[in-house]
Amino acid sequence: MALGIKDVGLEKCIYCGACFRYCILGVYSDLDGMELKSLVSGVTRIARKGYRSGRDDRIKELLERCTLQGYCDKVCPAMVKPFLRNEIAKKRIKEGE
């Protein structure tokens, strides 16, 4: 059975950014001035509604750092599935390019 956006639990997300802050690879330690909350909300919007070329390019660039290791699911205090959210957002980006 394929998992989709309804399985992520986005309605529980508190936009704290733990999913990116505690990435086991440490690739989100420098966001070039973007706040974690903005990154989380941008990735969430792409996963829900799709990628907007030009407007979402910065989010796309940052999301490309995600290698889908899944550690983010373990650190999420709201028990959202950030791994699945990121995977869906990456697919939506490919579809929108």
C-alpha atoms as a PDB file:
ATOM      1  CA  MET A   1       0.000   0.000   0.000  1.00  0.00           C
ATOM      2  CA  ALA A   2       1.443   3.384  -1.023  1.00  0.00           C
ATOM      3  CA  LEU A   3       1.544   6.093   1.601  1.00  0.00           C
ATOM      4  CA  GLY A   4       0.368   9.575   0.717  1.00  0.00           C
ATOM      5  CA  ILE A   5       0.062  13.070   2.089  1.00  0.00           C
ATOM      6  CA  LYS A   6      -2.801  12.065   4.409  1.00  0.00           C
ATOM      7  CA  ASP A   7      -0.440   9.627   6.150  1.00  0.00           C
ATOM      8  CA  VAL A   8       2.083  12.313   7.096  1.00  0.00           C
ATOM      9  CA  GLY A   9       0.064  13.829   9.967  1.00  0.00           C
ATOM     10  CA  LEU A  10       0.673  17.425   8.898  1.00  0.00           C
ATOM     11  CA  GLU A  11      -2.288  18.656  10.929  1.00  0.00           C
ATOM     12  CA  LYS A  12      -0.214  17.887  14.052  1.00  0.00           C
ATOM     13  CA  CYS A  13       2.874  19.813  12.876  1.00  0.00           C
ATOM     14  CA  ILE A  14       3.910  22.637  15.220  1.00  0.00           C
ATOM     15  CA  TYR A  15       6.491  24.008  12.730  1.00  0.00           C
ATOM     16  CA  CYS A  16       9.286  23.849  15.302  1.00  0.00           C
ATOM     17  CA  GLY A  17      11.902  22.763  12.772  1.00  0.00           C
ATOM     18  CA  ALA A  18      13.237  19.841  14.816  1.00  0.00           C
ATOM     19  CA  CYS A  19      13.021  17.670  11.708  1.00  0.00           C
ATOM     20  CA  PHE A  20      15.678  19.803  10.010  1.00  0.00           C
ATOM     21  CA  ARG A  21      17.537  21.106  13.084  1.00  0.00           C
ATOM     22  CA  TYR A  22      18.428  17.618  14.294  1.00  0.00           C
ATOM     23  CA  CYS A  23      19.147  16.071  10.899  1.00  0.00           C
ATOM     24  CA  ILE A  24      21.701  13.360  11.585  1.00  0.00           C
ATOM     25  CA  LEU A  25      23.815  14.554   8.652  1.00  0.00           C
ATOM     26  CA  GLY A  26      23.947  18.126   9.964  1.00  0.00           C
ATOM     27  CA  VAL A  27      23.292  19.563   6.513  1.00  0.00           C
ATOM     28  CA  TYR A  28      20.842  22.186   7.809  1.00  0.00           C
ATOM     29  CA  SER A  29      23.201  23.971  10.199  1.00  0.00           C
ATOM     30  CA  ASP A  30      23.440  26.861   7.723  1.00  0.00           C
ATOM     31  CA  LEU A  31      20.253  27.999   6.010  1.00  0.00           C
ATOM     32  CA  ASP A  32      21.679  31.250   4.608  1.00  0.00           C
ATOM     33  CA  GLY A  33      19.333  33.333   6.743  1.00  0.00           C
ATOM     34  CA  MET A  34      16.138  31.308   6.255  1.00  0.00           C
ATOM     35  CA  GLU A  35      14.319  30.424   9.452  1.00  0.00           C
ATOM     36  CA  LEU A  36      13.509  26.784  10.156  1.00  0.00           C
ATOM     37  CA  LYS A  37       9.803  27.601  10.439  1.00  0.00           C
ATOM     38  CA  SER A  38       9.877  29.031   6.906  1.00  0.00           C
ATOM     39  CA  LEU A  39      11.633  25.930   5.594  1.00  0.00           C
ATOM     40  CA  VAL A  40       9.123  23.596   7.274  1.00  0.00           C
ATOM     41  CA  SER A  41       6.127  25.582   6.030  1.00  0.00           C
ATOM     42  CA  GLY A  42       7.577  25.781   2.508  1.00  0.00           C
ATOM     43  CA  VAL A  43       8.234  22.043   2.272  1.00  0.00           C
ATOM     44  CA  THR A  44       4.774  21.366   3.723  1.00  0.00           C
ATOM     45  CA  ARG A  45       3.145  23.656   1.157  1.00  0.00           C
ATOM     46  CA  ILE A  46       4.970  21.923  -1.694  1.00  0.00           C
ATOM     47  CA  ALA A  47       3.938  18.496  -0.385  1.00  0.00           C
ATOM     48  CA  ARG A  48       0.306  19.606  -0.163  1.00  0.00           C
ATOM     49  CA  LYS A  49      -0.110  21.839  -3.206  1.00  0.00           C
ATOM     50  CA  GLY A  50       2.848  21.283  -5.519  1.00  0.00           C
ATOM     51  CA  TYR A  51       5.962  23.086  -6.623  1.00  0.00           C
ATOM     52  CA  ARG A  52       5.876  26.620  -8.040  1.00  0.00           C
ATOM     53  CA  SER A  53       8.919  27.167 -10.243  1.00  0.00           C
ATOM     54  CA  GLY A  54      10.574  30.454  -9.415  1.00  0.00           C
ATOM     55  CA  ARG A  55       8.688  31.004  -6.165  1.00  0.00           C
ATOM     56  CA  ASP A  56       9.773  27.771  -4.450  1.00  0.00           C
ATOM     57  CA  ASP A  57      13.325  27.582  -5.775  1.00  0.00           C
ATOM     58  CA  ARG A  58      14.970  28.395  -2.425  1.00  0.00           C
ATOM     59  CA  ILE A  59      12.929  25.710  -0.655  1.00  0.00           C
ATOM     60  CA  LYS A  60      13.820  23.254  -3.431  1.00  0.00           C
ATOM     61  CA  GLU A  61      17.512  24.075  -3.050  1.00  0.00           C
ATOM     62  CA  LEU A  62      17.410  23.435   0.698  1.00  0.00           C
ATOM     63  CA  LEU A  63      15.267  20.309   0.382  1.00  0.00           C
ATOM     64  CA  GLU A  64      17.808  18.838  -2.029  1.00  0.00           C
ATOM     65  CA  ARG A  65      20.117  18.480   0.987  1.00  0.00           C
ATOM     66  CA  CYS A  66      17.719  15.878   2.410  1.00  0.00           C
ATOM     67  CA  THR A  67      18.944  12.365   1.662  1.00  0.00           C
ATOM     68  CA  LEU A  68      15.833  10.718   3.132  1.00  0.00           C
ATOM     69  CA  GLN A  69      17.614   8.971   6.000  1.00  0.00           C
ATOM     70  CA  GLY A  70      14.504   9.103   8.204  1.00  0.00           C
ATOM     71  CA  TYR A  71      16.086  10.339  11.435  1.00  0.00           C
ATOM     72  CA  CYS A  72      13.705  13.316  11.375  1.00  0.00           C
ATOM     73  CA  ASP A  73      10.789  11.009  12.186  1.00  0.00           C
ATOM     74  CA  LYS A  74      12.517  10.032  15.434  1.00  0.00           C
ATOM     75  CA  VAL A  75      13.015  13.602  16.663  1.00  0.00           C
ATOM     76  CA  CYS A  76       9.631  15.103  15.764  1.00  0.00           C
ATOM     77  CA  PRO A  77       7.910  16.105  19.034  1.00  0.00           C
ATOM     78  CA  ALA A  78       4.484  16.184  17.331  1.00  0.00           C
ATOM     79  CA  MET A  79       4.898  12.681  15.864  1.00  0.00           C
ATOM     80  CA  VAL A  80       4.502  13.929  12.295  1.00  0.00           C
ATOM     81  CA  LYS A  81       6.265  11.908   9.592  1.00  0.00           C
ATOM     82  CA  PRO A  82       8.707  14.507   8.193  1.00  0.00           C
ATOM     83  CA  PHE A  83      10.523  11.814   6.205  1.00  0.00           C
ATOM     84  CA  LEU A  84       7.368  11.068   4.241  1.00  0.00           C
ATOM     85  CA  ARG A  85       6.567  14.797   3.892  1.00  0.00           C
ATOM     86  CA  ASN A  86      10.019  15.407   2.414  1.00  0.00           C
ATOM     87  CA  GLU A  87       9.717  12.429   0.095  1.00  0.00           C
ATOM     88  CA  ILE A  88       6.346  13.646  -1.197  1.00  0.00           C
ATOM     89  CA  ALA A  89       7.657  17.207  -1.614  1.00  0.00           C
ATOM     90  CA  LYS A  90      10.635  15.938  -3.609  1.00  0.00           C
ATOM     91  CA  LYS A  91       8.276  14.025  -5.911  1.00  0.00           C
ATOM     92  CA  ARG A  92       6.065  17.094  -6.322  1.00  0.00           C
ATOM     93  CA  ILE A  93       9.128  19.147  -7.282  1.00  0.00           C
ATOM     94  CA  LYS A  94      10.101  16.626  -9.963  1.00  0.00           C
ATOM     95  CA  GLU A  95       6.536  16.665 -11.293  1.00  0.00           C
ATOM     96  CA  GLY A  96       6.518  20.483 -11.390  1.00  0.00           C
ATOM     97  CA  GLU A  97       9.816  20.958 -13.200  1.00  0.00           C
END
